[in-house]
Every structure is written in C-alpha cells, then in structure tokens.
Protein backbone atom coordinates (compact mmCIF):
# COMPACT_ATOMS: atom_id res chain seq x y z
CA UNK A 1 143.45 111.25 59.64
CA UNK A 2 144.77 107.72 59.56
CA UNK A 3 143.91 104.58 57.67
CA UNK A 4 144.85 101.16 59.00
CA UNK A 5 148.03 99.95 57.37
CA UNK A 6 148.82 103.28 55.69
CA UNK A 7 150.29 106.62 56.57
CA UNK A 8 148.17 109.66 57.29
CA UNK A 9 147.81 111.84 54.21
CA UNK A 10 147.26 114.99 56.21
CA UNK A 11 145.71 116.22 59.45
CA UNK A 12 142.69 118.49 59.71
CA UNK A 13 142.10 120.83 62.65
CA UNK A 14 138.60 122.25 62.07
CA UNK A 15 138.69 124.50 65.13
CA UNK A 16 135.37 126.11 65.98
CA UNK A 17 133.86 124.51 62.87
CA UNK A 18 134.50 121.06 64.35
CA UNK A 19 130.87 120.20 64.97
CA UNK A 20 129.79 121.26 61.47
CA UNK A 21 132.79 119.43 59.98
CA UNK A 22 131.91 116.15 61.66
CA UNK A 23 128.28 116.55 60.53
CA UNK A 24 129.32 117.20 56.92
CA UNK A 25 131.77 114.31 56.99
CA UNK A 26 129.10 111.93 58.28
CA UNK A 27 126.68 113.11 55.57
CA UNK A 28 129.29 112.42 52.89
CA UNK A 29 130.05 108.98 54.31
CA UNK A 30 126.37 107.99 54.39
CA UNK A 31 125.83 109.14 50.82
CA UNK A 32 129.07 107.51 49.61
CA UNK A 33 129.54 110.73 47.78
CA UNK A 34 133.13 110.20 46.63
CA UNK A 35 132.60 106.71 45.27
CA UNK A 36 129.51 107.99 43.45
CA UNK A 37 131.41 110.90 41.93
CA UNK A 38 134.23 108.58 40.88
CA UNK A 39 131.59 106.36 39.25
CA UNK A 40 130.41 109.41 37.27
CA UNK A 41 126.97 109.53 38.89
CA UNK A 42 125.76 113.03 38.07
CA UNK A 43 122.77 112.72 40.41
CA UNK A 44 125.19 113.50 43.24
CA UNK A 45 125.13 117.13 42.12
CA UNK A 46 121.51 117.79 41.18
CA UNK A 47 118.06 116.32 40.73
CA UNK A 48 117.43 118.38 37.60
CA UNK A 49 117.44 116.05 34.59
CA UNK A 50 118.81 118.62 32.16
CA UNK A 51 121.63 119.63 34.49
CA UNK A 52 122.45 115.99 35.22
CA UNK A 53 122.94 115.40 31.51
CA UNK A 54 125.28 118.36 31.23
CA UNK A 55 127.27 117.31 34.29
CA UNK A 56 127.51 113.69 33.14
CA UNK A 57 129.18 114.94 29.96
CA UNK A 58 131.88 116.69 32.02
CA UNK A 59 132.96 114.00 34.48
CA UNK A 60 135.76 112.51 32.40
CA UNK A 61 138.34 114.02 34.74
CA UNK A 62 137.63 111.50 37.50
CA UNK A 63 139.56 108.71 35.77
CA UNK A 64 141.46 110.50 33.02
CA UNK A 65 144.87 109.72 34.56
CA UNK A 66 144.46 106.01 33.84
CA UNK A 67 143.46 106.78 30.26
CA UNK A 68 146.44 109.07 29.74
CA UNK A 69 149.00 106.44 30.79
CA UNK A 70 148.53 104.90 27.36
CA UNK A 71 149.25 108.25 25.67
CA UNK A 72 152.64 108.88 27.30
CA UNK A 73 154.59 107.27 24.45
CA UNK A 74 152.76 109.40 21.89
CA UNK A 75 153.52 112.61 23.80
CA UNK A 76 157.18 111.71 24.34
CA UNK A 77 157.69 110.77 20.69
CA UNK A 78 156.11 114.03 19.54
CA UNK A 79 158.26 116.13 21.86
CA UNK A 80 161.46 114.26 21.08
CA UNK A 81 160.93 114.59 17.31
CA UNK A 82 160.19 118.30 17.61
CA UNK A 83 163.42 118.92 19.52
CA UNK A 84 165.40 116.82 17.05
CA UNK A 85 164.03 119.04 14.29
CA UNK A 86 165.35 122.09 16.10
CA UNK A 87 161.99 123.30 17.41
CA UNK A 88 163.20 124.28 20.86
CA UNK A 89 161.20 127.46 21.47
CA UNK A 90 157.71 126.48 22.59
CA UNK A 91 154.66 128.76 22.51
CA UNK A 92 151.37 127.54 23.96
CA UNK A 93 148.34 129.46 22.75
CA UNK A 94 145.34 128.84 25.00
CA UNK A 95 142.85 130.66 27.20
CA UNK A 96 141.66 129.89 30.71
CA UNK A 97 141.61 126.18 31.45
CA UNK A 98 143.80 125.46 28.43
CA UNK A 99 146.67 127.55 29.82
CA UNK A 100 146.43 127.50 33.61
CA UNK A 101 147.97 124.11 34.28
CA UNK A 102 150.70 124.52 31.63
CA UNK A 103 151.60 127.80 33.32
CA UNK A 104 151.89 126.00 36.68
CA UNK A 105 154.10 123.31 35.14
CA UNK A 106 156.25 125.94 33.47
CA UNK A 107 156.81 127.91 36.66
CA UNK A 108 157.35 124.90 38.93
CA UNK A 109 159.41 122.64 36.69
CA UNK A 110 161.14 124.97 34.25
CA UNK A 111 162.24 123.38 30.98
CA UNK A 112 163.22 119.95 29.69
CA UNK A 113 166.81 119.59 28.52
CA UNK A 114 167.05 120.90 24.97
CA UNK A 115 164.15 123.35 25.34
CA UNK A 116 165.33 126.93 25.00
CA UNK A 117 162.14 128.71 26.04
CA UNK A 118 158.47 128.18 26.89
CA UNK A 119 155.91 130.95 26.62
CA UNK A 120 152.23 130.72 27.58
CA UNK A 121 150.16 133.11 25.50
CA UNK A 122 146.72 133.62 27.04
CA UNK A 123 146.24 137.29 26.27
CA UNK A 124 145.16 139.29 23.23
CA UNK A 125 146.98 142.38 24.48
CA UNK A 126 149.11 143.45 21.48
CA UNK A 127 152.00 144.30 23.80
CA UNK A 128 151.96 140.79 25.30
CA UNK A 129 151.87 139.16 21.88
CA UNK A 130 154.68 141.35 20.55
CA UNK A 131 156.77 140.63 23.64
CA UNK A 132 156.54 136.88 23.00
CA UNK A 133 157.00 137.10 19.24
CA UNK A 134 159.91 139.49 19.53
CA UNK A 135 162.15 137.03 21.33
CA UNK A 136 161.47 134.04 19.08
CA UNK A 137 163.56 132.58 16.33
CA UNK A 138 160.67 131.54 14.10
CA UNK A 139 162.55 128.70 12.32
CA UNK A 140 163.02 127.16 15.79
CA UNK A 141 159.51 127.79 17.11
CA UNK A 142 156.78 125.24 17.83
CA UNK A 143 153.29 126.67 18.37
CA UNK A 144 150.84 124.51 20.33
CA UNK A 145 147.28 125.68 19.78
CA UNK A 146 145.04 124.46 22.63
CA UNK A 147 141.26 124.87 22.45
CA UNK A 148 138.66 122.39 23.67
CA UNK A 149 135.92 123.75 21.43
CA UNK A 150 138.30 124.53 18.61
CA UNK A 151 136.55 127.85 18.16
CA UNK A 152 138.03 130.03 20.90
CA UNK A 153 138.43 133.31 19.05
CA UNK A 154 141.43 134.53 21.05
CA UNK A 155 143.35 131.29 20.51
CA UNK A 156 142.46 131.10 16.82
CA UNK A 157 143.66 134.70 16.50
CA UNK A 158 146.99 133.69 18.03
CA UNK A 159 147.18 130.84 15.53
CA UNK A 160 146.52 133.19 12.60
CA UNK A 161 149.10 135.67 13.90
CA UNK A 162 151.88 133.09 14.05
CA UNK A 163 150.90 131.55 10.72
CA UNK A 164 151.28 134.96 9.12
CA UNK A 165 154.57 135.56 10.94
CA UNK A 166 156.01 132.24 9.75
CA UNK A 167 154.97 132.94 6.17
CA UNK A 168 156.40 136.45 6.44
CA UNK A 169 159.71 134.96 7.54
CA UNK A 170 159.84 132.94 4.34
CA UNK A 171 159.13 129.58 5.99
CA UNK A 172 157.45 127.39 3.39
CA UNK A 173 156.19 124.43 5.44
CA UNK A 174 154.53 126.22 8.33
CA UNK A 175 152.54 123.11 9.26
CA UNK A 176 155.61 121.47 10.82
CA UNK A 177 155.68 124.36 13.32
CA UNK A 178 152.14 123.77 14.61
CA UNK A 179 150.45 121.21 16.85
CA UNK A 180 146.92 121.35 18.22
CA UNK A 181 145.09 119.98 21.24
CA UNK A 182 141.32 119.91 20.85
CA UNK A 183 138.17 117.80 21.11
CA UNK A 184 137.34 115.29 18.38
CA UNK A 185 135.31 116.77 15.55
CA UNK A 186 136.12 120.40 16.30
CA UNK A 187 136.70 122.93 13.55
CA UNK A 188 140.29 123.25 14.76
CA UNK A 189 140.86 119.55 14.11
CA UNK A 190 139.52 119.92 10.56
CA UNK A 191 141.53 123.01 9.72
CA UNK A 192 144.70 121.54 11.25
CA UNK A 193 144.37 118.42 9.11
CA UNK A 194 143.81 120.53 6.01
CA UNK A 195 146.89 122.63 6.83
CA UNK A 196 149.08 119.57 7.45
CA UNK A 197 149.94 120.41 11.02
CA UNK A 198 152.71 118.46 12.69
CA UNK A 199 150.50 116.80 15.30
CA UNK A 200 146.83 116.73 16.25
CA UNK A 201 146.08 115.61 19.80
CA UNK A 202 142.43 114.70 20.35
CA UNK A 203 141.44 114.97 23.98
CA UNK A 204 138.54 113.12 25.67
CA UNK A 205 135.52 115.33 25.03
CA UNK A 206 133.95 114.79 28.47
CA UNK A 207 136.43 116.98 30.34
CA UNK A 208 135.84 120.66 31.07
CA UNK A 209 138.67 123.14 30.66
CA UNK A 210 139.59 123.76 34.26
CA UNK A 211 139.63 120.02 35.01
CA UNK A 212 141.95 119.20 32.10
CA UNK A 213 145.28 119.26 33.94
CA UNK A 214 145.86 115.51 33.69
CA UNK A 215 144.58 115.31 30.13
CA UNK A 216 146.48 116.18 26.96
CA UNK A 217 145.91 119.88 27.63
CA UNK A 218 148.24 119.67 30.60
CA UNK A 219 150.49 116.76 29.69
CA UNK A 220 151.68 117.83 26.24
CA UNK A 221 153.04 121.23 27.31
CA UNK A 222 154.03 119.65 30.64
CA UNK A 223 156.46 117.34 28.84
CA UNK A 224 158.35 120.34 27.44
CA UNK A 225 158.45 121.81 30.96
CA UNK A 226 160.28 118.71 32.16
CA UNK A 227 157.42 116.96 33.94
CA UNK A 228 157.97 113.24 34.47
CA UNK A 229 154.69 112.09 32.97
CA UNK A 230 155.00 108.51 34.16
CA UNK A 231 155.57 109.58 37.75
CA UNK A 232 152.82 112.18 37.63
CA UNK A 233 150.20 109.82 36.23
CA UNK A 234 151.25 106.92 38.44
CA UNK A 235 150.67 109.13 41.47
CA UNK A 236 147.33 110.31 40.09
CA UNK A 237 146.13 106.77 39.39
CA UNK A 238 147.03 105.79 42.96
CA UNK A 239 145.04 108.77 44.21
CA UNK A 240 142.07 107.75 42.05
CA UNK A 241 141.98 104.45 43.92
CA UNK A 242 142.04 106.21 47.28
CA UNK A 243 139.19 108.52 46.29
CA UNK A 244 137.14 105.64 44.94
CA UNK A 245 137.71 103.12 47.72
CA UNK A 246 137.92 105.06 50.99
CA UNK A 247 134.69 106.18 52.61
CA UNK A 248 135.92 107.79 55.78
CA UNK A 249 138.08 110.67 56.98
CA UNK A 250 141.17 109.20 55.31
CA UNK A 251 139.68 110.13 51.92
CA UNK A 252 141.36 113.52 51.30
CA UNK A 253 138.71 114.83 48.91
CA UNK A 254 135.89 113.93 51.28
CA UNK A 255 137.64 115.52 54.24
CA UNK A 256 138.62 118.72 52.42
CA UNK A 257 135.15 119.06 50.93
CA UNK A 258 133.56 118.56 54.34
CA UNK A 259 135.89 121.15 55.86
CA UNK A 260 135.13 123.75 53.19
CA UNK A 261 131.39 123.16 53.51
CA UNK A 262 131.56 123.29 57.29
CA UNK A 263 133.42 126.57 57.16
CA UNK A 264 130.91 128.07 54.74
CA UNK A 265 127.82 127.14 56.79
CA UNK A 266 129.62 128.37 59.91
CA UNK A 267 130.09 131.81 58.37
CA UNK A 268 133.66 131.27 57.19
CA UNK A 269 133.39 131.26 53.43
CA UNK A 270 136.89 132.65 52.72
CA UNK A 271 139.68 130.18 52.00
CA UNK A 272 143.28 131.35 52.45
CA UNK A 273 146.33 129.41 51.31
CA UNK A 274 149.68 129.35 53.05
CA UNK A 275 152.26 127.66 50.82
CA UNK A 276 156.01 127.15 50.74
CA UNK A 277 158.00 129.07 48.14
CA UNK A 278 158.25 125.97 45.95
CA UNK A 279 154.51 125.24 46.09
CA UNK A 280 153.31 128.86 45.84
CA UNK A 281 152.88 128.74 42.01
CA UNK A 282 150.41 125.89 42.51
CA UNK A 283 148.05 128.06 44.55
CA UNK A 284 146.56 130.30 41.80
CA UNK A 285 145.47 127.20 39.90
CA UNK A 286 143.74 125.77 43.00
CA UNK A 287 142.17 129.17 43.58
CA UNK A 288 140.69 129.14 40.07
CA UNK A 289 139.32 125.63 40.50
CA UNK A 290 137.54 126.56 43.72
CA UNK A 291 136.33 129.95 42.50
CA UNK A 292 134.73 128.56 39.34
CA UNK A 293 133.55 125.23 40.74
CA UNK A 294 131.71 126.66 43.74
CA UNK A 295 129.72 129.85 43.73
CA UNK A 296 126.72 128.12 42.21
CA UNK A 297 123.12 128.96 43.12
CA UNK A 298 124.26 131.75 45.39
CA UNK A 299 126.51 129.54 47.51
CA UNK A 300 130.24 129.12 47.43
CA UNK A 301 133.68 129.59 48.94
CA UNK A 302 135.86 132.58 48.11
CA UNK A 303 139.53 131.62 47.70
CA UNK A 304 142.12 134.26 48.58
CA UNK A 305 145.59 133.87 47.11
CA UNK A 306 148.59 135.85 48.28
CA UNK A 307 147.09 137.09 51.54
CA UNK A 308 149.78 138.10 54.09
CA UNK A 309 150.28 135.51 56.79
CA UNK A 310 149.02 136.62 60.20
CA UNK A 311 148.56 134.84 63.49
CA UNK A 312 146.14 131.92 63.29
CA UNK A 313 143.11 132.07 65.57
CA UNK A 314 140.28 129.64 66.19
C-alpha cells in the first residue's frame, strides 16, 4: 500500500480472500465511507432513524484527539500538583471502557518519574480490592474515579470504599485525594463538587466507553503512566487527517476494514494477532474493540488473543 510522496503504512496480503478484499475495498472507495465516518455521518451505519440518532451521539471519537490537544496543560498541571502534594500512589477506579486503555498505558509505559505505584481497580472481588488497598499509604494516595454515566455502581462502590478508608485513617480533607472523570451533568459531577474533590474532568459526552482512549478517560491516567501526551495526540491528529483525506488503499482504516469484511464473507471470521513482546499488551484492548464493535445483527468477527503461533497458510 503506497501513496505518492509518502511511505507505505503497511502491506496487506489477503491471500485467498484477495478477490473479496478488492471488492470490499472498491465498495468503500465508491461510498467514501471513511470520509463520511470522519464527518460524523451516522447514515453510513444504518438507515434506521432511531439508530442513526443513537450512533450520531457516539461519534465524538473521530476527532477527539484535536480537541484534547487543548487539554494537555490542564492534565499536566493537575498531575504535577498532585505529585508535589505527595500523592504518588495512583488508583484508577473504572469498569470496562474506563479502565482498558489506562491498563494498556500502565503495562506498556510503566510510571512517570515521581509516581510510586499505579493500580487499576476494575473488579468488585473483595480479594482484589483488599490487595490494592493493603499496599497503599492512604495519605499518599490519589483516587481517580472514572465513569461516563457517573452512575456505574461498581465504580461508585470503589469510591465509597476509599472514602471510608481515608476517613478511618484520620484524614480530614479527603476531597484532595479524589479526582473524577465523567460526562457533564452526571450525578458523579454533582457529588464530586459537593464533596470538594481535587479535580473534576468533564469529558465530551458523545464518546462511548470503549472509544475513549484518546479522551480524558485515557489521557489523565496515561499521564501518570509516563505517556507523552503531546507526542501521542500529535500522532493521532496526523492519523485523523489520513483517515479523512485518503480514499484508496493507503487509508489504513479502509484497508483493514475491507480485509476483515472480506475474511468474514469468505468464511474466515476469526482474527488472530501476532505481536512483539513490547506490543503484546496492546492486543487485548484491540480485541475488545473488535469484539464489541462487530457482532451486530448476527454478523461479526471473532478476535482471538494469545493463540499460539503456527505456520501461516493461505
């Protein structure tokens, strides 16, 4: 796959699905499907008016990177102030889409200088909660409560648990130990303001959980993991332009989508990942995106993570 004046992003070898791949690619080119998605045109996905309305309210991810560039200073200032105040043990409380990307960042990047520990709490298993709480120095702990709806019962239970633990430890101003990430107008926003929490991050409301990696749900905990937010978002903004402007095989999203669709209609609806040791932690997150984003109306692709590598056949 090559574009005049630029380097190839990757190469696709569709094998026996080659004919179906070329057909799917041509269909996508004719429909200008990627430019339409990037323009938030929900009719790409369905003709049903009600479903189009729902989808249109969840397409904020297509250009969120550009929006988030302006929030970098806010995130950096928050993190820097927390570390200066001695809050160097970070606990993220979130379920599903609110925790998956932070977990990837944590595993792949580690910790920013000055951060002693990062724990992602996405379980209500008492043993898991006790294991995290048992290793914390509560006076040095920052709890980030992440919930799009603001009403996720598991996450709010985590919040209540740590609030009680901080009070039990004799810490008077527990609000300075909490930050929240949520949608505007949620109950979590209201309660956090009433409790005087250290920081309230309001995320764009038109982004679904599993697409929130480049929003505040991913970037705030990502900063503590040592992610270079400027570099990450700069790369994402550049990719946005590619997805919006290219209408041929050099558009990576178009090509990968065509390949997955071609495989599925050719009877190959299983998708296996082979990744280097460094990139392996990235795979479960991709798997979740594909598993939840396809599989609609009885059609989909089944991602398989961690499958042993065997010989590749056509």
